[in-house]
Amino acid sequence: MVKIMKLKSMNERDIISIITGKLGLESADNRLLRPLVGPGEDDCAVLEICEGRYLVSSTDMLHERTDFPKGMTPWQIGWMSVAVNLSDIAAMGARPLGIMMALGLPPDTELEFVEDLVEGMNDCARQQGTSIIGGDIDRHDELTIVGSAMGLVDAEHLVLRRGAQVGDVVCVTGELGTAGAALDALKHQSDAYPYVMKKLYMPVPRIREGLALAQTGCLTSMIDMSDGLALALHDIATISSVGFRINAASIPVHRTVRDMAGSETRLVEWSVYCGGDFELLFTITSRCVEKARKVAKFTVIGEVTARGITLEQDGSTATVEPKGYQQFGDKV
């Protein structure tokens, strides 16, 4: 008897792997299209558009019930829907060219909601030096937003997930665990600091940092951490065939998040296994750390090893499981 698999028994990355395995690169006229990075391999697909220059492109789909936390204003929903796309562009060390946004709108949606939504999209795009260049609208049972972002990067500055080497140091921009703290507060209907909620509702894509760091020529790999630190580490480890040793005490966490956590166990859950922070995780050669510090703020949290992904905390070592935010399978 043939076993019928259903999506609810699988995780997001397994589904993506199956889908990309079905996709061929053969065009209609039988010539092979050869993207430098194809479907499912990185934060963005990468195509060479002229000698020495690459176009990077990414698409994200967001749904009201699964992607937009309670309490968000229409403006914040619009902001976030653009930010998630630009975060992928940042992870490639690219400069955004423009964003296409498609809106699936329930027919009873108020016009004012749509106007505020679009203003949020526009404000986020403009803050990051780009703009909404087109899109589509249609009728849908649930608010659904699909964004497609494009960016441009010189070949010498392109950074991929593949490339981490044993002995490199592991770094992150910003602070982790803030979105996890906010989501926990929403789940338990408890108080949260305004700073924490703002970080969840208005994530800032690290375009400036991604560009500046990539242009140093020091980075060996980079990835967007919107799904959490743990999954980001596993993604780079898989494609680069390496491992990681992470120091829990070195993970940057805002003092208000520490106050909210109340325990180291909860702090690890928020900073390692929760998504929504939209920071960048990257690896860099140890000799280049000081050079990179001149162009961007970041924190060294560990090192690249030959195998395994471990978290060192208070003299003990634990395995970092491949858990985080995923649309299918178990979620934190």
Protein backbone atom coordinates (compact mmCIF):
# COMPACT_ATOMS: atom_id res chain seq x y z
CA MET A 1 0.00 0.00 0.00
CA VAL A 2 1.30 3.42 -0.95
CA LYS A 3 1.62 5.76 2.01
CA ILE A 4 -0.03 9.10 1.37
CA MET A 5 1.99 11.98 2.82
CA LYS A 6 0.23 15.12 3.98
CA LEU A 7 1.84 18.50 4.47
CA LYS A 8 0.87 18.66 8.13
CA SER A 9 3.30 15.82 8.84
CA MET A 10 6.22 17.62 7.17
CA ASN A 11 8.23 20.76 7.88
CA GLU A 12 8.64 23.72 5.56
CA ARG A 13 12.20 22.99 4.51
CA ASP A 14 11.38 19.39 3.56
CA ILE A 15 8.50 20.60 1.37
CA ILE A 16 10.74 23.17 -0.32
CA SER A 17 13.36 20.49 -1.00
CA ILE A 18 10.78 18.25 -2.70
CA ILE A 19 9.40 21.12 -4.81
CA THR A 20 12.81 22.35 -5.95
CA GLY A 21 13.76 18.79 -6.82
CA LYS A 22 10.92 18.76 -9.34
CA LEU A 23 12.03 21.96 -11.04
CA GLY A 24 14.24 21.76 -14.10
CA LEU A 25 16.37 24.50 -15.59
CA GLU A 26 15.49 23.71 -19.20
CA SER A 27 13.73 26.51 -21.05
CA ALA A 28 11.08 26.18 -23.75
CA ASP A 29 13.62 26.45 -26.57
CA ASN A 30 15.70 23.68 -24.98
CA ARG A 31 18.52 25.95 -23.90
CA LEU A 32 19.63 25.66 -20.32
CA LEU A 33 19.11 28.61 -18.03
CA ARG A 34 21.94 28.60 -15.55
CA PRO A 35 21.26 30.78 -12.54
CA LEU A 36 24.20 31.09 -10.20
CA VAL A 37 21.79 30.25 -7.38
CA GLY A 38 18.59 28.38 -8.15
CA PRO A 39 15.32 27.63 -6.34
CA GLY A 40 15.62 26.81 -2.64
CA GLU A 41 19.41 27.19 -2.44
CA ASP A 42 19.64 30.57 -0.71
CA ASP A 43 17.70 33.62 0.50
CA CYS A 44 17.43 34.79 -3.13
CA ALA A 45 17.78 33.40 -6.62
CA VAL A 46 20.79 34.89 -8.43
CA LEU A 47 21.10 35.56 -12.16
CA GLU A 48 24.03 37.13 -14.01
CA ILE A 49 22.57 40.04 -16.01
CA CYS A 50 25.88 41.28 -17.39
CA GLU A 51 29.51 40.49 -16.80
CA GLY A 52 30.36 41.05 -13.17
CA ARG A 53 26.83 42.03 -12.04
CA TYR A 54 24.10 39.88 -10.55
CA LEU A 55 20.37 40.30 -10.13
CA VAL A 56 19.04 38.79 -6.90
CA SER A 57 15.33 38.13 -6.42
CA SER A 58 13.13 36.79 -3.64
CA THR A 59 9.41 36.20 -3.01
CA ASP A 60 7.51 35.95 0.27
CA MET A 61 3.83 35.22 0.92
CA LEU A 62 2.17 36.45 4.11
CA HIS A 63 -1.28 35.59 5.48
CA GLU A 64 -3.30 37.43 8.08
CA ARG A 65 -3.91 34.44 10.36
CA THR A 66 -0.41 32.93 10.34
CA ASP A 67 2.01 35.81 9.76
CA PHE A 68 0.67 39.02 11.26
CA PRO A 69 0.65 39.03 15.09
CA LYS A 70 -2.39 40.33 16.92
CA GLY A 71 -2.52 44.05 17.56
CA MET A 72 -0.80 45.15 14.36
CA THR A 73 -2.13 48.24 12.62
CA PRO A 74 -2.68 48.19 8.83
CA TRP A 75 0.36 50.47 8.47
CA GLN A 76 2.52 48.00 10.43
CA ILE A 77 1.23 45.08 8.34
CA GLY A 78 2.29 46.96 5.22
CA TRP A 79 5.69 47.77 6.71
CA MET A 80 6.35 44.16 7.70
CA SER A 81 5.28 42.77 4.31
CA VAL A 82 8.01 44.83 2.63
CA ALA A 83 10.60 44.30 5.37
CA VAL A 84 10.52 40.50 5.03
CA ASN A 85 11.40 40.76 1.35
CA LEU A 86 14.15 43.34 1.81
CA SER A 87 15.73 41.24 4.56
CA ASP A 88 16.41 38.53 1.96
CA ILE A 89 18.04 41.11 -0.33
CA ALA A 90 20.22 42.28 2.57
CA ALA A 91 21.39 38.71 3.20
CA MET A 92 22.97 38.60 -0.27
CA GLY A 93 24.89 41.86 0.22
CA ALA A 94 22.76 43.47 -2.49
CA ARG A 95 21.23 46.90 -3.02
CA PRO A 96 17.43 46.80 -3.56
CA LEU A 97 16.15 47.82 -6.99
CA GLY A 98 12.42 47.65 -6.34
CA ILE A 99 9.54 45.61 -4.96
CA MET A 100 6.40 44.16 -6.55
CA MET A 101 3.48 43.73 -4.13
CA ALA A 102 0.34 41.66 -4.78
CA LEU A 103 -2.64 42.04 -2.45
CA GLY A 104 -5.37 39.47 -1.88
CA LEU A 105 -8.19 41.45 -0.23
CA PRO A 106 -11.47 40.26 1.33
CA PRO A 107 -14.37 42.16 -0.27
CA ASP A 108 -15.50 43.65 3.06
CA THR A 109 -12.12 45.31 3.67
CA GLU A 110 -12.44 49.02 4.40
CA LEU A 111 -10.78 51.40 1.97
CA GLU A 112 -9.01 53.19 4.82
CA PHE A 113 -7.37 49.89 5.81
CA VAL A 114 -5.95 49.48 2.30
CA GLU A 115 -4.71 53.07 2.20
CA ASP A 116 -2.89 52.67 5.53
CA LEU A 117 -1.53 49.30 4.42
CA VAL A 118 -0.01 50.75 1.28
CA GLU A 119 1.42 53.72 3.17
CA GLY A 120 3.23 51.30 5.46
CA MET A 121 4.65 49.43 2.48
CA ASN A 122 5.78 52.64 0.85
CA ASP A 123 7.37 54.02 4.02
CA CYS A 124 9.42 50.87 4.63
CA ALA A 125 10.59 50.71 1.02
CA ARG A 126 11.60 54.36 0.94
CA GLN A 127 13.44 54.14 4.25
CA GLN A 128 15.58 51.41 2.68
CA GLY A 129 16.29 53.42 -0.46
CA THR A 130 13.89 51.71 -2.84
CA SER A 131 10.22 51.81 -3.89
CA ILE A 132 7.15 49.80 -4.83
CA ILE A 133 7.36 49.47 -8.61
CA GLY A 134 4.23 47.43 -9.36
CA GLY A 135 2.00 44.58 -8.30
CA ASP A 136 -1.55 43.26 -8.43
CA ILE A 137 -4.76 43.04 -6.40
CA ASP A 138 -7.50 40.42 -6.35
CA ARG A 139 -10.32 39.14 -4.19
CA HIS A 140 -9.38 36.68 -1.46
CA ASP A 141 -11.03 35.11 1.59
CA GLU A 142 -8.15 36.16 3.84
CA LEU A 143 -5.78 39.12 3.67
CA THR A 144 -2.83 37.76 1.73
CA ILE A 145 0.23 39.74 0.65
CA VAL A 146 2.86 38.49 -1.77
CA GLY A 147 6.02 40.53 -2.25
CA SER A 148 8.80 40.07 -4.78
CA ALA A 149 11.97 42.05 -4.23
CA MET A 150 14.88 42.55 -6.60
CA GLY A 151 18.39 43.71 -5.89
CA LEU A 152 21.69 44.29 -7.64
CA VAL A 153 25.16 43.28 -6.49
CA ASP A 154 28.64 43.22 -7.99
CA ALA A 155 29.94 39.69 -8.41
CA GLU A 156 32.87 40.33 -6.08
CA HIS A 157 30.53 41.35 -3.25
CA LEU A 158 27.86 38.65 -3.53
CA VAL A 159 27.59 36.63 -0.30
CA LEU A 160 25.91 33.21 -0.22
CA ARG A 161 25.00 30.70 2.47
CA ARG A 162 27.65 28.44 0.99
CA GLY A 163 31.21 29.29 1.92
CA ALA A 164 31.64 29.07 5.70
CA GLN A 165 34.98 27.53 6.63
CA VAL A 166 36.22 25.82 9.79
CA GLY A 167 37.91 28.43 11.94
CA ASP A 168 35.68 31.34 10.81
CA VAL A 169 33.89 33.28 13.52
CA VAL A 170 30.09 33.50 13.69
CA CYS A 171 28.48 36.92 14.00
CA VAL A 172 25.02 38.49 14.21
CA THR A 173 23.71 41.99 13.72
CA GLY A 174 21.42 43.63 16.27
CA GLU A 175 19.81 41.78 19.15
CA LEU A 176 18.03 38.43 19.27
CA GLY A 177 15.03 37.20 21.22
CA THR A 178 13.09 40.47 21.04
CA ALA A 179 10.40 39.14 18.71
CA GLY A 180 10.19 35.95 20.76
CA ALA A 181 9.58 37.98 23.90
CA ALA A 182 6.86 39.99 22.18
CA LEU A 183 5.14 36.88 20.82
CA ASP A 184 5.25 35.27 24.25
CA ALA A 185 3.62 38.35 25.76
CA LEU A 186 0.86 38.24 23.15
CA LYS A 187 0.32 34.52 23.69
CA HIS A 188 -0.04 34.90 27.46
CA GLN A 189 -1.72 38.32 27.31
CA SER A 190 0.99 39.75 29.55
CA ASP A 191 2.60 43.18 29.53
CA ALA A 192 5.52 43.87 27.23
CA TYR A 193 7.75 46.90 26.90
CA PRO A 194 6.83 49.21 23.96
CA TYR A 195 10.36 48.74 22.61
CA VAL A 196 9.84 44.99 22.40
CA MET A 197 6.49 45.25 20.62
CA LYS A 198 7.85 47.78 18.14
CA LYS A 199 10.67 45.40 17.18
CA LEU A 200 8.09 42.71 16.43
CA TYR A 201 5.66 44.93 14.53
CA MET A 202 8.26 47.02 12.67
CA PRO A 203 11.31 44.86 11.86
CA VAL A 204 14.09 46.81 10.16
CA PRO A 205 15.80 44.95 7.29
CA ARG A 206 19.57 45.22 7.56
CA ILE A 207 20.19 46.55 4.06
CA ARG A 208 22.88 49.03 5.13
CA GLU A 209 24.74 46.45 7.21
CA GLY A 210 24.48 43.77 4.53
CA LEU A 211 25.90 46.11 1.89
CA ALA A 212 28.69 47.46 4.06
CA LEU A 213 29.79 44.06 5.35
CA ALA A 214 29.72 42.43 1.91
CA GLN A 215 31.84 45.18 0.43
CA THR A 216 34.65 44.50 2.91
CA GLY A 217 35.30 41.22 1.09
CA CYS A 218 35.63 39.51 4.49
CA LEU A 219 32.40 37.51 4.71
CA THR A 220 32.38 33.80 3.86
CA SER A 221 28.60 33.25 4.25
CA MET A 222 25.47 35.12 5.30
CA ILE A 223 21.77 34.43 5.89
CA ASP A 224 18.63 36.24 7.03
CA MET A 225 17.45 35.11 10.49
CA SER A 226 13.72 35.80 10.18
CA ASP A 227 13.01 32.13 11.05
CA GLY A 228 15.35 32.14 14.05
CA LEU A 229 19.02 31.57 14.88
CA ALA A 230 18.78 27.78 15.10
CA LEU A 231 17.33 27.27 11.62
CA ALA A 232 19.76 29.80 10.15
CA LEU A 233 22.70 27.88 11.63
CA HIS A 234 21.36 24.59 10.27
CA ASP A 235 20.80 26.09 6.80
CA ILE A 236 24.39 27.32 6.54
CA ALA A 237 25.78 24.14 8.11
CA THR A 238 23.97 21.97 5.57
CA ILE A 239 25.04 23.82 2.44
CA SER A 240 28.57 24.65 3.66
CA SER A 241 29.18 21.20 5.21
CA VAL A 242 30.36 22.64 8.51
CA GLY A 243 29.26 22.82 12.16
CA PHE A 244 29.03 25.58 14.75
CA ARG A 245 29.93 26.17 18.38
CA ILE A 246 27.82 28.99 19.83
CA ASN A 247 28.40 30.69 23.19
CA ALA A 248 25.00 31.42 24.76
CA ALA A 249 26.42 34.22 26.91
CA SER A 250 27.62 36.03 23.80
CA ILE A 251 24.22 36.17 22.07
CA PRO A 252 23.16 39.85 22.15
CA VAL A 253 19.89 40.33 24.03
CA HIS A 254 18.31 43.61 25.10
CA ARG A 255 18.10 44.13 28.87
CA THR A 256 14.31 44.43 28.73
CA VAL A 257 14.11 40.99 27.10
CA ARG A 258 16.25 39.54 29.88
CA ASP A 259 13.92 41.10 32.42
CA MET A 260 10.88 39.60 30.67
CA ALA A 261 12.44 36.14 30.36
CA GLY A 262 13.11 35.58 34.05
CA SER A 263 15.12 32.42 33.33
CA GLU A 264 17.99 31.30 31.12
CA THR A 265 15.84 28.53 29.64
CA ARG A 266 13.23 30.94 28.37
CA LEU A 267 15.93 33.34 27.16
CA VAL A 268 17.48 30.58 25.03
CA GLU A 269 14.07 29.70 23.60
CA TRP A 270 13.49 33.29 22.55
CA SER A 271 16.99 34.09 21.26
CA VAL A 272 17.84 30.75 19.60
CA TYR A 273 14.58 29.13 18.54
CA CYS A 274 12.14 32.00 17.85
CA GLY A 275 11.91 33.86 14.56
CA GLY A 276 10.87 37.40 13.76
CA ASP A 277 14.05 39.33 14.55
CA PHE A 278 15.11 39.85 10.90
CA GLU A 279 18.78 40.15 11.77
CA LEU A 280 21.70 38.81 9.73
CA LEU A 281 23.86 35.84 10.67
CA PHE A 282 27.24 35.73 8.94
CA THR A 283 30.61 34.05 9.11
CA ILE A 284 33.87 35.89 8.66
CA THR A 285 37.55 35.11 8.67
CA SER A 286 39.03 35.87 12.10
CA ARG A 287 41.67 38.20 10.69
CA CYS A 288 38.97 40.44 9.23
CA VAL A 289 36.85 41.07 12.31
CA GLU A 290 38.31 44.46 13.14
CA LYS A 291 38.08 45.58 9.51
CA ALA A 292 34.40 44.66 9.46
CA ARG A 293 33.74 46.47 12.75
CA LYS A 294 34.68 49.73 11.04
CA VAL A 295 31.63 49.52 8.75
CA ALA A 296 28.89 47.89 10.84
CA LYS A 297 27.90 46.94 14.39
CA PHE A 298 27.72 43.22 15.13
CA THR A 299 28.44 40.66 17.82
CA VAL A 300 30.69 37.60 17.64
CA ILE A 301 28.75 34.65 19.10
CA GLY A 302 30.85 31.61 18.22
CA GLU A 303 32.98 29.81 15.68
CA VAL A 304 32.66 27.46 12.73
CA THR A 305 33.59 23.84 13.47
CA ALA A 306 33.91 20.67 11.41
CA ARG A 307 30.57 19.15 12.42
CA GLY A 308 27.63 19.42 14.78
CA ILE A 309 25.86 22.52 16.06
CA THR A 310 26.24 23.09 19.79
CA LEU A 311 25.34 25.75 22.34
CA GLU A 312 27.70 26.24 25.27
CA GLN A 313 26.10 27.59 28.42
CA ASP A 314 27.34 27.67 32.03
CA GLY A 315 29.96 25.01 31.40
CA SER A 316 27.59 22.58 29.66
CA THR A 317 27.08 21.82 25.98
CA ALA A 318 23.75 21.18 24.28
CA THR A 319 22.84 20.31 20.69
CA VAL A 320 21.05 23.06 18.78
CA GLU A 321 17.97 21.44 17.25
CA PRO A 322 16.63 22.53 13.83
CA LYS A 323 13.64 24.33 15.33
CA GLY A 324 12.20 27.75 14.62
CA TYR A 325 9.39 29.43 12.73
CA GLN A 326 8.09 27.25 9.88
CA GLN A 327 4.76 27.30 8.07
CA PHE A 328 4.42 23.51 8.30
CA GLY A 329 5.44 20.96 10.94
CA ASP A 330 6.21 21.83 14.53
CA LYS A 331 6.66 25.46 15.48
CA VAL A 332 8.18 27.07 18.53
